[in-house]
């Protein structure tokens, strides 16, 4: 039987899987990898290590498919974004600079002054923050690594590097280009105006392509099979949106390291500057992400530092918070572990516990984390209601964090919505496979393709009316916490 293959590279691991004509995903292979922190505020990826692991996984899946059939196409889903600088042979001149990286703060401020924040938003439909929008890292590299910048044939992101390794092409799809800070997401072109004003050479930018376009054929001597068409693919959340069949006017939640509410729209005028905005895989549709950076990471941090060594399994993350009452005995938590995107956009913000007393327990602190992350999500939901006029009673939820039933109940109570836990995993791989399958002619439309995936709801978590009223009061207090601490965060980062 013939298959298509999807490669999904997230912020902590790589998955490769194969899908047949019937939309059945299988043969999934996985390997983790690590981020690197060479200096304070720097976050990098080892590009060669990621390629070696991707190649190994791809080889395994291709070999397994070949036992019973053929591979008709390959496509890609990657986290967004990272800055990579490649020579003419496609080899990296330095480690990839992650979107979490904070080294380009001065460059971000300079760009805002030179171009103006208003013009940046008019063109890109996004605000500008260091690292998150890769133009800042691009300018930093030019300023601080001038000799390497001169050697750069193409700047790009992780997908640019991997696609070059697979096909020899230097390209970037438009869902990824949307987060560069120098791409016009309404006209689907690089912004010549921004590039000229900040002094970047447009010839170093890769060609921007449709995510479904075939950018070349597999041409790698290190892999067992060549000549397979390779489609560009897209950013991970865009691929997940595709896999879930989300339509304009609909919203879903993804819960992993980050916690994101994503809305789909046909009207770019609806996009809000407090969100991250990008082109969808489908042309003339846009995705708007209310993205909190570290809710899942905050929970993982608490488990690793305070629970794991005591022999507790991860099940404790659901059981421990139940030992604390609603409101966590007066403890509040801000989930801004390394700065924050939506809704505050403050790279200096940090995680805090407030209201701790001599009676505070680990259960109180664990519950406060779940509540604080959920209060932050409600702030994002409020923006959806006010700016996008999107109203929904139920929120589809995907990702590893969605399986925490205690957290889901807290969110249902705080958002006053049903949380629909979806029985669908590997949405990044699925989305990449749907792109590959559509490119290979398996499906005429994305709608036809996504209908094959069984996005069944495993359970619905409904809000508890009594707890909703209590949380409404606590939410008003929570909203005062960050404004009170904002001056402190700014001062403490300069120490």
Protein backbone atom coordinates (compact mmCIF):
# COMPACT_ATOMS: atom_id res chain seq x y z
CA UNK A 1 0.00 0.00 0.00
CA UNK A 2 1.23 3.50 -0.81
CA UNK A 3 1.82 6.03 1.99
CA UNK A 4 2.87 9.61 2.55
CA UNK A 5 5.27 10.59 5.31
CA UNK A 6 5.04 13.51 7.74
CA UNK A 7 7.98 14.86 9.71
CA UNK A 8 7.11 16.86 12.83
CA UNK A 9 9.92 18.68 14.68
CA UNK A 10 8.75 20.23 17.94
CA UNK A 11 10.67 22.15 20.58
CA UNK A 12 11.81 19.00 22.38
CA UNK A 13 11.52 16.08 19.99
CA UNK A 14 11.13 14.76 16.46
CA UNK A 15 8.37 12.47 15.19
CA UNK A 16 8.11 10.82 11.80
CA UNK A 17 5.03 8.87 10.73
CA UNK A 18 3.35 7.45 7.64
CA UNK A 19 -0.29 7.77 6.55
CA UNK A 20 -2.18 5.66 4.00
CA UNK A 21 -4.99 6.62 1.61
CA UNK A 22 -7.59 6.03 4.32
CA UNK A 23 -6.07 8.59 6.67
CA UNK A 24 -4.66 5.97 9.02
CA UNK A 25 -1.49 7.17 10.72
CA UNK A 26 1.09 4.67 11.89
CA UNK A 27 4.72 3.60 11.87
CA UNK A 28 5.56 6.53 14.15
CA UNK A 29 9.17 6.91 15.24
CA UNK A 30 10.35 9.43 17.85
CA UNK A 31 13.56 10.87 19.26
CA UNK A 32 14.01 13.70 21.76
CA UNK A 33 16.61 16.42 21.46
CA UNK A 34 17.77 19.19 23.77
CA UNK A 35 17.82 22.95 23.63
CA UNK A 36 21.07 24.67 24.53
CA UNK A 37 21.59 27.68 26.79
CA UNK A 38 25.16 28.92 26.16
CA UNK A 39 24.67 32.29 27.88
CA UNK A 40 22.04 34.01 29.98
CA UNK A 41 19.04 34.71 27.77
CA UNK A 42 20.40 32.68 24.84
CA UNK A 43 18.51 29.63 23.55
CA UNK A 44 19.93 27.63 20.65
CA UNK A 45 19.46 24.37 18.75
CA UNK A 46 22.12 22.07 17.34
CA UNK A 47 21.04 21.91 13.71
CA UNK A 48 23.33 19.04 12.74
CA UNK A 49 22.09 16.94 15.65
CA UNK A 50 18.47 17.58 14.66
CA UNK A 51 19.22 16.62 11.06
CA UNK A 52 21.01 13.40 12.06
CA UNK A 53 18.05 12.35 14.21
CA UNK A 54 15.51 13.36 11.56
CA UNK A 55 17.42 11.40 8.93
CA UNK A 56 17.60 8.33 11.18
CA UNK A 57 13.86 8.40 11.89
CA UNK A 58 13.00 9.04 8.23
CA UNK A 59 15.18 6.11 7.19
CA UNK A 60 13.36 3.80 9.61
CA UNK A 61 9.90 4.85 8.42
CA UNK A 62 10.80 4.67 4.72
CA UNK A 63 12.26 1.20 5.25
CA UNK A 64 9.13 0.02 7.06
CA UNK A 65 6.80 1.43 4.38
CA UNK A 66 8.83 -0.19 1.60
CA UNK A 67 8.17 -3.64 3.04
CA UNK A 68 4.56 -3.47 1.88
CA UNK A 69 4.27 -0.48 -0.43
CA UNK A 70 5.66 2.82 -1.67
CA UNK A 71 6.22 6.37 -0.42
CA UNK A 72 4.43 8.89 -2.63
CA UNK A 73 5.36 12.18 -0.89
CA UNK A 74 6.98 13.68 2.19
CA UNK A 75 6.12 16.90 4.03
CA UNK A 76 7.24 18.79 7.10
CA UNK A 77 5.85 20.39 10.26
CA UNK A 78 8.22 22.37 12.48
CA UNK A 79 8.00 24.66 15.47
CA UNK A 80 8.11 28.33 14.65
CA UNK A 81 10.50 29.97 14.62
CA UNK A 82 14.28 29.77 14.61
CA UNK A 83 16.97 31.64 12.72
CA UNK A 84 19.51 29.64 10.75
CA UNK A 85 22.35 30.95 8.60
CA UNK A 86 23.45 28.66 5.79
CA UNK A 87 26.33 28.69 3.32
CA UNK A 88 25.95 27.77 -0.36
CA UNK A 89 26.13 24.08 0.49
CA UNK A 90 23.31 24.41 3.00
CA UNK A 91 25.61 23.90 5.98
CA UNK A 92 24.93 25.96 9.12
CA UNK A 93 27.41 28.69 10.01
CA UNK A 94 26.27 28.73 13.65
CA UNK A 95 23.69 27.06 15.91
CA UNK A 96 20.06 27.91 15.23
CA UNK A 97 18.72 30.82 17.32
CA UNK A 98 15.40 29.87 18.95
CA UNK A 99 12.32 32.05 19.26
CA UNK A 100 12.84 31.93 23.06
CA UNK A 101 16.20 33.66 22.65
CA UNK A 102 16.47 37.13 24.24
CA UNK A 103 19.87 38.32 22.96
CA UNK A 104 18.42 40.72 20.37
CA UNK A 105 16.64 43.09 22.76
CA UNK A 106 18.64 46.14 21.64
CA UNK A 107 18.07 45.25 18.00
CA UNK A 108 14.33 44.96 18.60
CA UNK A 109 14.20 48.42 20.14
CA UNK A 110 16.29 49.84 17.30
CA UNK A 111 14.02 48.30 14.64
CA UNK A 112 10.94 49.70 16.38
CA UNK A 113 12.54 53.15 16.29
CA UNK A 114 13.78 52.96 12.69
CA UNK A 115 10.72 51.35 11.10
CA UNK A 116 8.11 52.36 13.75
CA UNK A 117 5.83 49.91 15.50
CA UNK A 118 2.82 51.10 13.54
CA UNK A 119 4.42 50.39 10.17
CA UNK A 120 5.66 46.99 11.37
CA UNK A 121 2.13 46.05 12.36
CA UNK A 122 0.58 47.43 9.17
CA UNK A 123 2.87 45.21 7.09
CA UNK A 124 3.31 42.07 9.18
CA UNK A 125 0.11 42.22 11.29
CA UNK A 126 2.33 41.49 14.28
CA UNK A 127 4.09 43.41 16.99
CA UNK A 128 7.85 43.04 17.22
CA UNK A 129 9.58 41.20 20.07
CA UNK A 130 13.15 39.96 20.29
CA UNK A 131 13.60 36.39 19.17
CA UNK A 132 9.90 35.74 18.67
CA UNK A 133 10.02 37.50 15.31
CA UNK A 134 13.27 36.43 13.73
CA UNK A 135 14.19 39.74 12.07
CA UNK A 136 15.63 40.79 15.45
CA UNK A 137 17.94 37.75 15.60
CA UNK A 138 18.79 38.34 11.93
CA UNK A 139 19.93 41.90 12.63
CA UNK A 140 21.80 40.76 15.77
CA UNK A 141 23.73 38.22 13.70
CA UNK A 142 24.66 40.83 11.13
CA UNK A 143 25.83 43.23 13.87
CA UNK A 144 27.71 40.74 16.04
CA UNK A 145 28.90 38.12 13.54
CA UNK A 146 29.69 40.27 10.47
CA UNK A 147 32.19 37.86 8.92
CA UNK A 148 29.76 34.95 9.18
CA UNK A 149 26.97 37.15 7.84
CA UNK A 150 29.10 37.84 4.77
CA UNK A 151 29.48 34.08 4.28
CA UNK A 152 25.72 33.54 4.58
CA UNK A 153 24.13 32.40 1.34
CA UNK A 154 20.64 32.12 2.79
CA UNK A 155 19.03 32.96 6.10
CA UNK A 156 16.04 30.82 6.98
CA UNK A 157 14.49 28.78 9.74
CA UNK A 158 14.63 25.13 10.78
CA UNK A 159 12.34 24.04 7.95
CA UNK A 160 14.59 25.84 5.44
CA UNK A 161 17.55 23.83 6.71
CA UNK A 162 15.76 20.47 6.74
CA UNK A 163 14.16 21.00 3.32
CA UNK A 164 17.58 21.88 1.91
CA UNK A 165 19.00 18.68 3.36
CA UNK A 166 16.19 16.70 1.74
CA UNK A 167 16.06 18.41 -1.66
CA UNK A 168 18.81 21.01 -2.03
CA UNK A 169 16.26 23.85 -2.24
CA UNK A 170 16.37 27.03 -0.14
CA UNK A 171 12.73 27.82 0.64
CA UNK A 172 10.34 28.83 3.42
CA UNK A 173 6.59 28.34 3.44
CA UNK A 174 4.31 31.29 4.15
CA UNK A 175 3.10 30.05 7.56
CA UNK A 176 6.72 30.25 8.74
CA UNK A 177 7.56 33.50 6.94
CA UNK A 178 4.64 35.11 8.79
CA UNK A 179 6.68 35.07 12.02
CA UNK A 180 9.81 36.62 10.53
CA UNK A 181 8.85 40.26 11.21
CA UNK A 182 9.62 41.15 7.59
CA UNK A 183 6.83 39.46 5.63
CA UNK A 184 3.63 41.04 4.34
CA UNK A 185 1.01 38.47 5.35
CA UNK A 186 -1.75 40.00 3.24
CA UNK A 187 0.26 40.28 0.02
CA UNK A 188 2.31 37.10 0.60
CA UNK A 189 5.69 38.74 -0.15
CA UNK A 190 8.83 39.73 1.72
CA UNK A 191 8.67 43.36 2.75
CA UNK A 192 11.29 45.22 0.74
CA UNK A 193 10.58 48.32 2.81
CA UNK A 194 11.40 46.69 6.17
CA UNK A 195 14.47 44.91 4.82
CA UNK A 196 15.90 48.10 3.33
CA UNK A 197 15.24 50.16 6.47
CA UNK A 198 16.97 47.65 8.77
CA UNK A 199 19.77 46.93 6.31
CA UNK A 200 19.13 43.28 5.47
CA UNK A 201 20.01 41.88 2.05
CA UNK A 202 16.90 40.46 0.38
CA UNK A 203 18.98 38.12 -1.77
CA UNK A 204 19.83 36.25 1.44
CA UNK A 205 16.14 35.49 2.03
CA UNK A 206 14.73 32.16 0.82
CA UNK A 207 11.92 31.91 -1.70
CA UNK A 208 8.52 31.88 0.01
CA UNK A 209 6.30 29.06 -1.22
CA UNK A 210 2.82 27.61 -0.78
CA UNK A 211 2.97 24.96 1.99
CA UNK A 212 1.56 22.43 -0.48
CA UNK A 213 4.05 23.15 -3.23
CA UNK A 214 6.54 20.47 -4.21
CA UNK A 215 9.93 22.07 -3.56
CA UNK A 216 11.97 19.20 -4.99
CA UNK A 217 12.56 15.48 -4.83
CA UNK A 218 14.29 13.60 -2.07
CA UNK A 219 17.95 13.74 -3.02
CA UNK A 220 20.06 12.51 -0.13
CA UNK A 221 22.75 9.85 -0.53
CA UNK A 222 22.38 8.97 3.14
CA UNK A 223 18.75 7.80 2.74
CA UNK A 224 17.61 4.49 1.23
CA UNK A 225 15.19 5.91 -1.32
CA UNK A 226 15.37 9.00 -3.52
CA UNK A 227 13.14 10.70 -6.08
CA UNK A 228 10.19 11.09 -3.66
CA UNK A 229 8.38 14.45 -4.05
CA UNK A 230 8.83 16.71 -1.00
CA UNK A 231 6.20 19.35 -0.14
CA UNK A 232 7.20 22.43 1.87
CA UNK A 233 4.79 21.81 4.76
CA UNK A 234 4.05 24.36 7.47
CA UNK A 235 4.39 25.54 11.03
CA UNK A 236 3.28 23.07 13.69
CA UNK A 237 0.17 24.90 14.93
CA UNK A 238 -0.93 25.59 11.36
CA UNK A 239 -0.57 21.88 10.60
CA UNK A 240 -2.58 21.03 13.73
CA UNK A 241 -5.31 23.47 12.64
CA UNK A 242 -5.46 21.69 9.31
CA UNK A 243 -5.61 18.24 10.90
CA UNK A 244 -8.47 19.31 13.18
CA UNK A 245 -10.48 20.73 10.30
CA UNK A 246 -10.84 24.11 12.04
CA UNK A 247 -12.84 26.57 9.95
CA UNK A 248 -13.03 30.40 9.98
CA UNK A 249 -14.80 31.59 13.12
CA UNK A 250 -13.73 28.52 15.13
CA UNK A 251 -11.27 28.24 18.02
CA UNK A 252 -9.26 25.42 19.57
CA UNK A 253 -6.78 25.00 22.41
CA UNK A 254 -3.37 23.34 22.22
CA UNK A 255 -1.63 22.43 25.47
CA UNK A 256 2.04 21.52 25.57
CA UNK A 257 5.03 23.54 26.68
CA UNK A 258 2.91 26.51 25.68
CA UNK A 259 -0.84 26.97 26.02
CA UNK A 260 -2.45 28.52 22.95
CA UNK A 261 -5.93 29.51 21.85
CA UNK A 262 -6.01 29.63 18.05
CA UNK A 263 -8.73 31.35 16.04
CA UNK A 264 -9.18 31.07 12.27
CA UNK A 265 -10.44 34.01 10.21
CA UNK A 266 -10.92 35.09 6.60
CA UNK A 267 -10.58 38.76 7.50
CA UNK A 268 -7.05 40.05 8.23
CA UNK A 269 -8.57 43.27 9.57
CA UNK A 270 -9.82 41.22 12.53
CA UNK A 271 -6.30 40.34 13.67
CA UNK A 272 -5.34 41.73 17.08
CA UNK A 273 -1.85 42.97 17.92
CA UNK A 274 -1.93 41.21 21.30
CA UNK A 275 -1.88 37.89 19.43
CA UNK A 276 0.59 36.19 17.10
CA UNK A 277 -0.84 36.33 13.59
CA UNK A 278 0.08 34.29 10.53
CA UNK A 279 -1.05 33.02 7.16
CA UNK A 280 -2.86 29.69 7.37
CA UNK A 281 -1.86 26.81 5.11
CA UNK A 282 -5.02 27.62 3.13
CA UNK A 283 -4.44 30.83 1.21
CA UNK A 284 -6.58 33.84 2.20
CA UNK A 285 -7.20 32.44 5.64
CA UNK A 286 -5.29 33.60 8.70
CA UNK A 287 -4.60 32.15 12.13
CA UNK A 288 -4.44 34.25 15.27
CA UNK A 289 -2.73 32.70 18.28
CA UNK A 290 -3.25 33.84 21.84
CA UNK A 291 -0.08 32.18 23.06
CA UNK A 292 1.10 31.82 26.64
CA UNK A 293 4.70 30.64 26.50
CA UNK A 294 5.25 28.42 29.53
CA UNK A 295 2.18 26.94 31.29
CA UNK A 296 3.17 23.35 30.50
CA UNK A 297 6.80 24.16 31.19
CA UNK A 298 5.86 25.62 34.60
CA UNK A 299 4.07 22.40 35.56
CA UNK A 300 7.02 20.33 34.35
CA UNK A 301 9.43 22.56 36.32
CA UNK A 302 7.45 22.08 39.54
CA UNK A 303 7.36 18.32 39.02
CA UNK A 304 11.08 18.04 38.27
CA UNK A 305 12.23 20.27 41.13
CA UNK A 306 9.82 19.39 43.95
CA UNK A 307 8.01 16.12 43.25
CA UNK A 308 10.06 13.77 41.10
CA UNK A 309 12.87 13.10 43.58
CA UNK A 310 10.32 12.06 46.18
CA UNK A 311 9.36 9.18 43.94
CA UNK A 312 6.06 10.60 42.77
CA UNK A 313 4.82 9.54 39.35
CA UNK A 314 3.40 12.12 36.97
CA UNK A 315 -0.06 11.10 38.14
CA UNK A 316 0.64 13.33 41.15
CA UNK A 317 0.09 16.34 38.88
CA UNK A 318 -3.61 15.48 38.86
CA UNK A 319 -3.97 14.20 42.42
CA UNK A 320 -1.94 16.74 44.41
CA UNK A 321 -3.97 19.84 43.42
CA UNK A 322 -7.13 18.13 44.70
CA UNK A 323 -5.68 18.37 48.22
CA UNK A 324 -5.94 22.18 48.06
CA UNK A 325 -9.21 24.15 48.00
CA UNK A 326 -10.38 26.49 45.23
CA UNK A 327 -8.15 29.53 45.41
CA UNK A 328 -5.14 27.54 46.64
CA UNK A 329 -5.42 28.87 50.21
CA UNK A 330 -4.70 32.40 49.02
CA UNK A 331 -1.69 31.57 46.82
CA UNK A 332 -1.57 33.13 43.34
CA UNK A 333 0.84 32.20 40.55
CA UNK A 334 2.04 34.13 37.51
CA UNK A 335 3.14 31.64 34.81
CA UNK A 336 5.68 33.93 33.14
CA UNK A 337 8.70 31.66 33.61
CA UNK A 338 10.90 33.28 30.94
CA UNK A 339 8.96 36.32 29.82
CA UNK A 340 5.52 36.14 28.26
CA UNK A 341 3.77 36.65 24.96
CA UNK A 342 -0.02 36.97 25.09
CA UNK A 343 -1.57 38.80 26.75
CA UNK A 344 1.14 41.00 28.33
CA UNK A 345 4.09 40.86 25.89
CA UNK A 346 6.82 41.43 28.45
CA UNK A 347 10.19 39.66 28.07
CA UNK A 348 11.21 40.79 31.57
CA UNK A 349 8.26 39.15 33.35
CA UNK A 350 8.99 36.09 35.47
CA UNK A 351 7.06 33.41 37.33
CA UNK A 352 5.97 34.31 40.84
CA UNK A 353 4.10 32.83 43.78
CA UNK A 354 2.35 35.43 45.93
CA UNK A 355 0.33 34.97 49.10
CA UNK A 356 2.57 32.23 50.50
CA UNK A 357 2.26 31.76 54.27
CA UNK A 358 3.59 29.32 56.86
CA UNK A 359 0.52 27.22 56.17
CA UNK A 360 1.18 26.92 52.43
CA UNK A 361 1.60 23.37 51.15
CA UNK A 362 2.94 21.83 47.97
CA UNK A 363 -0.67 21.08 47.08
CA UNK A 364 -1.50 24.79 47.34
CA UNK A 365 1.42 25.69 45.09
CA UNK A 366 0.58 23.00 42.56
CA UNK A 367 -3.05 24.12 42.41
CA UNK A 368 -1.97 27.76 42.18
CA UNK A 369 0.04 26.89 39.06
CA UNK A 370 -3.01 25.32 37.41
CA UNK A 371 -5.20 28.25 38.41
CA UNK A 372 -2.68 30.91 37.36
CA UNK A 373 -2.21 29.32 33.94
CA UNK A 374 -6.00 29.12 33.56
CA UNK A 375 -6.48 32.75 34.56
CA UNK A 376 -3.97 33.71 31.87
CA UNK A 377 -5.97 31.68 29.38
CA UNK A 378 -9.11 33.55 30.40
CA UNK A 379 -7.38 36.85 29.62
CA UNK A 380 -6.75 35.51 26.12
CA UNK A 381 -10.35 34.34 25.86
CA UNK A 382 -11.51 37.83 26.83
CA UNK A 383 -9.58 39.24 23.87
CA UNK A 384 -11.28 36.72 21.55
CA UNK A 385 -14.66 37.86 22.80
CA UNK A 386 -13.92 41.59 22.65
CA UNK A 387 -11.79 41.91 19.51
CA UNK A 388 -12.85 38.92 17.40
CA UNK A 389 -16.45 38.65 18.61
CA UNK A 390 -15.98 34.88 18.68
CA UNK A 391 -18.43 33.16 21.01
CA UNK A 392 -18.26 29.47 21.75
CA UNK A 393 -19.60 27.25 24.49
CA UNK A 394 -17.18 24.37 23.98
CA UNK A 395 -13.43 24.50 23.46
CA UNK A 396 -11.73 21.60 21.62
CA UNK A 397 -8.46 20.79 23.39
CA UNK A 398 -5.44 18.86 22.09
CA UNK A 399 -1.89 18.20 23.22
CA UNK A 400 -0.22 16.36 26.07
CA UNK A 401 -1.39 18.82 28.72
CA UNK A 402 -5.05 18.32 27.77
CA UNK A 403 -4.97 14.88 29.43
CA UNK A 404 -4.63 16.41 32.92
CA UNK A 405 -8.25 16.15 34.07
CA UNK A 406 -7.77 18.33 37.14
CA UNK A 407 -6.34 21.14 35.04
CA UNK A 408 -9.14 20.71 32.48
CA UNK A 409 -11.72 21.11 35.27
CA UNK A 410 -10.02 24.26 36.56
CA UNK A 411 -10.03 25.70 33.02
CA UNK A 412 -13.67 24.80 32.52
CA UNK A 413 -14.58 26.61 35.73
CA UNK A 414 -12.46 29.69 35.04
CA UNK A 415 -13.42 30.02 31.36
CA UNK A 416 -17.02 28.96 32.04
CA UNK A 417 -16.90 26.68 29.01
CA UNK A 418 -17.02 23.00 28.22
CA UNK A 419 -13.56 21.60 27.53
CA UNK A 420 -13.70 18.92 24.82
CA UNK A 421 -10.69 16.63 25.15
CA UNK A 422 -10.00 15.36 21.65
CA UNK A 423 -8.96 11.79 20.91
CA UNK A 424 -6.41 12.81 18.35
CA UNK A 425 -2.69 12.83 18.82
CA UNK A 426 0.24 13.68 16.61
CA UNK A 427 -1.64 16.53 14.93
CA UNK A 428 1.64 17.97 13.63
CA UNK A 429 2.47 14.69 11.88
CA UNK A 430 -1.13 14.40 10.70
CA UNK A 431 -1.11 17.91 9.26
CA UNK A 432 2.18 17.28 7.45
CA UNK A 433 0.77 14.02 6.06
CA UNK A 434 -2.39 15.78 4.86
CA UNK A 435 -0.25 18.31 3.02
CA UNK A 436 1.83 15.51 1.48
CA UNK A 437 -1.31 13.53 0.63
CA UNK A 438 -3.01 16.48 -1.03
CA UNK A 439 0.18 17.29 -2.95
CA UNK A 440 0.38 13.66 -4.08
CA UNK A 441 -3.24 13.70 -5.29
CA UNK A 442 -4.70 11.49 -2.57
CA UNK A 443 -7.34 14.16 -1.82
CA UNK A 444 -8.92 16.91 -3.87
CA UNK A 445 -9.37 19.28 -0.93
CA UNK A 446 -8.16 19.69 2.63
CA UNK A 447 -11.74 19.29 3.81
CA UNK A 448 -11.90 15.86 2.19
CA UNK A 449 -8.58 14.94 3.79
CA UNK A 450 -9.38 16.15 7.30
CA UNK A 451 -12.71 14.28 7.32
CA UNK A 452 -10.74 11.04 7.29
CA UNK A 453 -9.26 11.78 10.69
CA UNK A 454 -11.37 10.68 13.62
CA UNK A 455 -11.26 13.75 15.86
CA UNK A 456 -13.44 12.11 18.44
CA UNK A 457 -14.08 13.73 21.79
CA UNK A 458 -12.99 11.37 24.56
CA UNK A 459 -14.69 13.35 27.31
CA UNK A 460 -16.30 16.69 27.97
CA UNK A 461 -15.36 18.56 31.15
CA UNK A 462 -18.19 20.88 32.18
CA UNK A 463 -17.93 23.91 34.48
CA UNK A 464 -19.15 23.62 38.05
CA UNK A 465 -21.55 26.53 38.66
CA UNK A 466 -20.56 27.08 42.30
CA UNK A 467 -16.86 27.09 41.47
CA UNK A 468 -17.40 29.45 38.52
CA UNK A 469 -18.69 32.17 40.85
CA UNK A 470 -15.75 31.80 43.23
CA UNK A 471 -13.24 31.88 40.39
CA UNK A 472 -14.82 35.03 38.96
CA UNK A 473 -13.86 36.81 42.19
CA UNK A 474 -10.33 35.39 42.19
CA UNK A 475 -9.87 36.35 38.54
CA UNK A 476 -10.38 40.03 39.36
CA UNK A 477 -7.59 39.80 41.94
CA UNK A 478 -5.32 37.92 39.54
CA UNK A 479 -5.61 40.67 36.93
CA UNK A 480 -4.12 43.16 39.40
CA UNK A 481 -1.03 41.05 40.12
CA UNK A 482 1.06 41.58 36.97
CA UNK A 483 0.51 45.38 36.73
CA UNK A 484 1.63 45.63 40.36
CA UNK A 485 4.83 43.68 39.67
CA UNK A 486 5.69 45.03 36.22
CA UNK A 487 8.03 47.79 37.55
CA UNK A 488 9.77 45.22 39.75
CA UNK A 489 10.36 42.87 36.81
CA UNK A 490 11.91 45.69 34.79
CA UNK A 491 14.26 46.67 37.62
CA UNK A 492 15.25 43.14 38.57
CA UNK A 493 16.34 42.29 35.02
CA UNK A 494 18.96 45.04 35.17
CA UNK A 495 20.64 43.70 38.33
